[in-house]
N, C-alpha and C. Protein backbone atom coordinates (compact mmCIF):
# COMPACT_ATOMS: atom_id res chain seq x y z
N MET A 1 44.84 7.59 -5.70
CA MET A 1 44.52 6.32 -6.34
C MET A 1 45.48 5.26 -5.82
N THR A 2 44.95 4.17 -5.34
CA THR A 2 45.77 3.07 -4.86
C THR A 2 46.16 2.18 -6.02
N GLU A 3 47.41 1.81 -6.08
CA GLU A 3 47.89 0.94 -7.15
C GLU A 3 48.27 -0.40 -6.56
N MET A 4 47.73 -1.47 -7.12
CA MET A 4 48.07 -2.83 -6.70
C MET A 4 48.36 -3.63 -7.96
N ILE A 5 49.42 -4.40 -7.93
CA ILE A 5 49.74 -5.28 -9.04
C ILE A 5 49.94 -6.67 -8.49
N GLU A 6 49.14 -7.61 -8.96
CA GLU A 6 49.27 -9.00 -8.56
C GLU A 6 49.07 -9.87 -9.79
N MET A 7 49.65 -11.06 -9.78
CA MET A 7 49.56 -11.95 -10.91
C MET A 7 48.60 -13.09 -10.60
N GLY A 8 47.86 -13.50 -11.60
CA GLY A 8 46.96 -14.63 -11.47
C GLY A 8 47.29 -15.66 -12.53
N LYS A 9 46.53 -16.74 -12.54
CA LYS A 9 46.75 -17.80 -13.52
C LYS A 9 45.38 -18.30 -13.98
N ILE A 10 45.29 -18.65 -15.24
CA ILE A 10 44.04 -19.14 -15.81
C ILE A 10 43.97 -20.65 -15.60
N SER A 11 42.83 -21.13 -15.08
CA SER A 11 42.64 -22.56 -14.85
C SER A 11 42.29 -23.26 -16.17
N SER A 12 42.24 -24.58 -16.13
CA SER A 12 41.89 -25.35 -17.32
C SER A 12 40.46 -25.06 -17.77
N ARG A 13 39.64 -24.53 -16.88
CA ARG A 13 38.25 -24.17 -17.21
C ARG A 13 38.12 -22.71 -17.63
N GLY A 14 39.24 -22.00 -17.75
CA GLY A 14 39.21 -20.60 -18.18
C GLY A 14 38.89 -19.63 -17.07
N GLN A 15 38.99 -20.08 -15.83
CA GLN A 15 38.68 -19.22 -14.70
C GLN A 15 39.94 -18.58 -14.15
N VAL A 16 39.79 -17.36 -13.65
CA VAL A 16 40.89 -16.63 -13.02
C VAL A 16 40.45 -16.26 -11.61
N ALA A 17 41.28 -16.60 -10.62
CA ALA A 17 40.99 -16.21 -9.25
C ALA A 17 41.50 -14.79 -9.03
N ILE A 18 40.67 -13.95 -8.43
CA ILE A 18 41.10 -12.59 -8.09
C ILE A 18 41.88 -12.70 -6.79
N PRO A 19 43.14 -12.23 -6.78
CA PRO A 19 43.96 -12.34 -5.56
C PRO A 19 43.24 -11.76 -4.34
N SER A 20 43.44 -12.40 -3.18
CA SER A 20 42.71 -12.03 -1.96
C SER A 20 42.93 -10.57 -1.57
N GLY A 21 44.14 -10.04 -1.77
CA GLY A 21 44.39 -8.64 -1.43
C GLY A 21 43.55 -7.69 -2.25
N ILE A 22 43.37 -8.00 -3.51
CA ILE A 22 42.55 -7.16 -4.40
C ILE A 22 41.07 -7.30 -4.03
N ARG A 23 40.63 -8.55 -3.76
CA ARG A 23 39.23 -8.75 -3.35
C ARG A 23 38.93 -7.96 -2.08
N ALA A 24 39.84 -8.02 -1.11
CA ALA A 24 39.63 -7.30 0.15
C ALA A 24 39.60 -5.79 -0.08
N HIS A 25 40.53 -5.30 -0.88
CA HIS A 25 40.61 -3.86 -1.16
C HIS A 25 39.34 -3.34 -1.82
N LEU A 26 38.78 -4.13 -2.74
CA LEU A 26 37.58 -3.71 -3.47
C LEU A 26 36.28 -4.11 -2.77
N GLY A 27 36.39 -4.90 -1.72
CA GLY A 27 35.18 -5.35 -1.03
C GLY A 27 34.38 -6.34 -1.87
N LEU A 28 35.09 -7.19 -2.60
CA LEU A 28 34.42 -8.18 -3.44
C LEU A 28 34.20 -9.46 -2.63
N ASP A 29 32.97 -9.85 -2.50
CA ASP A 29 32.60 -11.07 -1.80
C ASP A 29 31.93 -12.01 -2.79
N GLU A 30 31.66 -13.22 -2.36
CA GLU A 30 30.95 -14.16 -3.21
C GLU A 30 29.64 -13.53 -3.68
N GLY A 31 29.40 -13.60 -4.97
CA GLY A 31 28.18 -13.02 -5.53
C GLY A 31 28.33 -11.59 -6.00
N SER A 32 29.47 -10.95 -5.69
CA SER A 32 29.69 -9.58 -6.18
C SER A 32 29.71 -9.59 -7.70
N LYS A 33 29.26 -8.52 -8.28
CA LYS A 33 29.25 -8.41 -9.74
C LYS A 33 30.41 -7.56 -10.21
N VAL A 34 30.99 -7.97 -11.33
CA VAL A 34 32.07 -7.22 -11.95
C VAL A 34 31.78 -7.11 -13.45
N LEU A 35 32.33 -6.10 -14.04
CA LEU A 35 32.16 -5.83 -15.46
C LEU A 35 33.53 -5.90 -16.11
N PHE A 36 33.62 -6.48 -17.30
CA PHE A 36 34.89 -6.60 -18.00
C PHE A 36 34.87 -5.74 -19.26
N PHE A 37 35.93 -4.99 -19.46
CA PHE A 37 36.14 -4.20 -20.67
C PHE A 37 37.39 -4.74 -21.35
N VAL A 38 37.34 -4.91 -22.66
CA VAL A 38 38.50 -5.41 -23.40
C VAL A 38 38.90 -4.37 -24.44
N GLU A 39 40.19 -4.07 -24.47
CA GLU A 39 40.74 -3.19 -25.49
C GLU A 39 42.09 -3.78 -25.91
N ASP A 40 42.16 -4.19 -27.17
CA ASP A 40 43.35 -4.87 -27.69
C ASP A 40 43.70 -6.06 -26.79
N ASP A 41 44.89 -6.05 -26.17
CA ASP A 41 45.29 -7.18 -25.32
C ASP A 41 45.15 -6.86 -23.83
N MET A 42 44.31 -5.88 -23.50
CA MET A 42 44.13 -5.48 -22.11
C MET A 42 42.68 -5.74 -21.67
N VAL A 43 42.54 -6.28 -20.46
CA VAL A 43 41.22 -6.49 -19.86
C VAL A 43 41.16 -5.65 -18.59
N LEU A 44 40.11 -4.86 -18.47
CA LEU A 44 39.90 -4.05 -17.28
C LEU A 44 38.65 -4.58 -16.59
N MET A 45 38.74 -4.82 -15.30
CA MET A 45 37.62 -5.32 -14.54
C MET A 45 37.16 -4.21 -13.59
N LYS A 46 35.86 -3.97 -13.53
CA LYS A 46 35.32 -2.92 -12.67
C LYS A 46 34.26 -3.51 -11.75
N LYS A 47 34.35 -3.18 -10.47
CA LYS A 47 33.32 -3.59 -9.51
C LYS A 47 32.03 -2.88 -9.87
N VAL A 48 30.94 -3.63 -9.89
CA VAL A 48 29.64 -3.05 -10.21
C VAL A 48 28.85 -2.84 -8.92
N THR A 49 28.46 -1.61 -8.71
CA THR A 49 27.56 -1.27 -7.60
C THR A 49 26.26 -0.79 -8.23
N SER A 50 25.24 -0.62 -7.45
CA SER A 50 23.98 -0.15 -8.02
C SER A 50 24.17 1.24 -8.64
N ALA A 51 25.03 2.07 -8.05
CA ALA A 51 25.27 3.41 -8.60
C ALA A 51 26.02 3.32 -9.92
N SER A 52 27.05 2.48 -10.01
CA SER A 52 27.82 2.40 -11.25
C SER A 52 26.99 1.73 -12.34
N LEU A 53 26.15 0.74 -11.98
CA LEU A 53 25.29 0.10 -12.97
C LEU A 53 24.31 1.12 -13.53
N SER A 54 23.76 1.95 -12.68
CA SER A 54 22.83 2.98 -13.12
C SER A 54 23.53 3.95 -14.08
N GLU A 55 24.76 4.33 -13.73
CA GLU A 55 25.53 5.25 -14.57
C GLU A 55 25.86 4.61 -15.92
N LEU A 56 26.24 3.33 -15.92
CA LEU A 56 26.60 2.65 -17.16
C LEU A 56 25.40 2.44 -18.08
N THR A 57 24.23 2.23 -17.51
CA THR A 57 23.05 1.94 -18.33
C THR A 57 22.23 3.18 -18.67
N ARG A 58 22.60 4.34 -18.12
CA ARG A 58 21.84 5.56 -18.39
C ARG A 58 21.72 5.85 -19.89
N PRO A 59 22.81 5.79 -20.68
CA PRO A 59 22.65 6.07 -22.12
C PRO A 59 21.69 5.09 -22.80
N LEU A 60 21.68 3.83 -22.35
CA LEU A 60 20.77 2.86 -22.94
C LEU A 60 19.32 3.18 -22.59
N ARG A 61 19.09 3.55 -21.35
CA ARG A 61 17.72 3.90 -20.94
C ARG A 61 17.23 5.14 -21.69
N GLU A 62 18.10 6.13 -21.84
CA GLU A 62 17.71 7.36 -22.55
C GLU A 62 17.45 7.09 -24.02
N ALA A 63 18.31 6.27 -24.63
CA ALA A 63 18.13 5.95 -26.05
C ALA A 63 16.86 5.14 -26.27
N SER A 64 16.53 4.27 -25.31
CA SER A 64 15.35 3.42 -25.50
C SER A 64 14.05 4.21 -25.48
N LYS A 65 14.06 5.40 -24.92
CA LYS A 65 12.85 6.22 -24.89
C LYS A 65 12.44 6.64 -26.29
N ASN A 66 13.42 6.71 -27.21
CA ASN A 66 13.16 7.19 -28.56
C ASN A 66 13.07 6.07 -29.58
N ILE A 67 13.13 4.81 -29.14
CA ILE A 67 13.10 3.68 -30.06
C ILE A 67 11.74 3.00 -29.98
N GLN A 68 11.17 2.77 -31.15
CA GLN A 68 9.91 2.03 -31.21
C GLN A 68 10.22 0.59 -31.57
N GLU A 69 9.37 -0.31 -31.14
CA GLU A 69 9.60 -1.75 -31.37
C GLU A 69 9.83 -2.05 -32.85
N SER A 70 9.14 -1.35 -33.73
CA SER A 70 9.27 -1.60 -35.16
C SER A 70 10.66 -1.24 -35.69
N GLN A 71 11.43 -0.46 -34.95
CA GLN A 71 12.77 -0.04 -35.38
C GLN A 71 13.88 -0.98 -34.92
N VAL A 72 13.59 -1.89 -34.02
CA VAL A 72 14.62 -2.69 -33.37
C VAL A 72 15.42 -3.51 -34.37
N ASN A 73 14.77 -4.26 -35.27
CA ASN A 73 15.49 -5.11 -36.23
C ASN A 73 16.44 -4.29 -37.10
N ARG A 74 15.97 -3.16 -37.58
CA ARG A 74 16.81 -2.30 -38.44
C ARG A 74 18.03 -1.81 -37.66
N LEU A 75 17.84 -1.40 -36.41
CA LEU A 75 18.95 -0.91 -35.60
C LEU A 75 19.95 -2.02 -35.27
N VAL A 76 19.47 -3.22 -35.01
CA VAL A 76 20.37 -4.35 -34.72
C VAL A 76 21.23 -4.63 -35.95
N HIS A 77 20.64 -4.68 -37.12
CA HIS A 77 21.41 -4.95 -38.35
C HIS A 77 22.42 -3.82 -38.61
N LYS A 78 22.02 -2.61 -38.36
CA LYS A 78 22.92 -1.45 -38.55
C LYS A 78 24.14 -1.56 -37.63
N MET A 79 23.91 -1.92 -36.36
CA MET A 79 25.02 -2.01 -35.41
C MET A 79 25.92 -3.20 -35.72
N ARG A 80 25.37 -4.29 -36.21
CA ARG A 80 26.18 -5.46 -36.57
C ARG A 80 27.12 -5.15 -37.73
N LYS A 81 26.71 -4.27 -38.64
CA LYS A 81 27.57 -3.91 -39.77
C LYS A 81 28.78 -3.14 -39.32
N ARG A 82 28.68 -2.42 -38.20
CA ARG A 82 29.80 -1.64 -37.68
C ARG A 82 30.81 -2.60 -37.15
């Protein structure tokens, strides 16, 4: 596992530039997609490829096979309570 630590700064518009060394290492170009995970005060960014997107959405696709349209509102309210 390669470890890289670089510091960035948040702009007045809330944007953060990904340092060029990290972009090059991950192969991130203009238009690349990334996913953000937040846990407490930590943000983890993951490069999204078609394979990783498929892996991340698999549980949603499998769960959707068993959900009928009439159940959607009840499930949304149930999840919001959590």
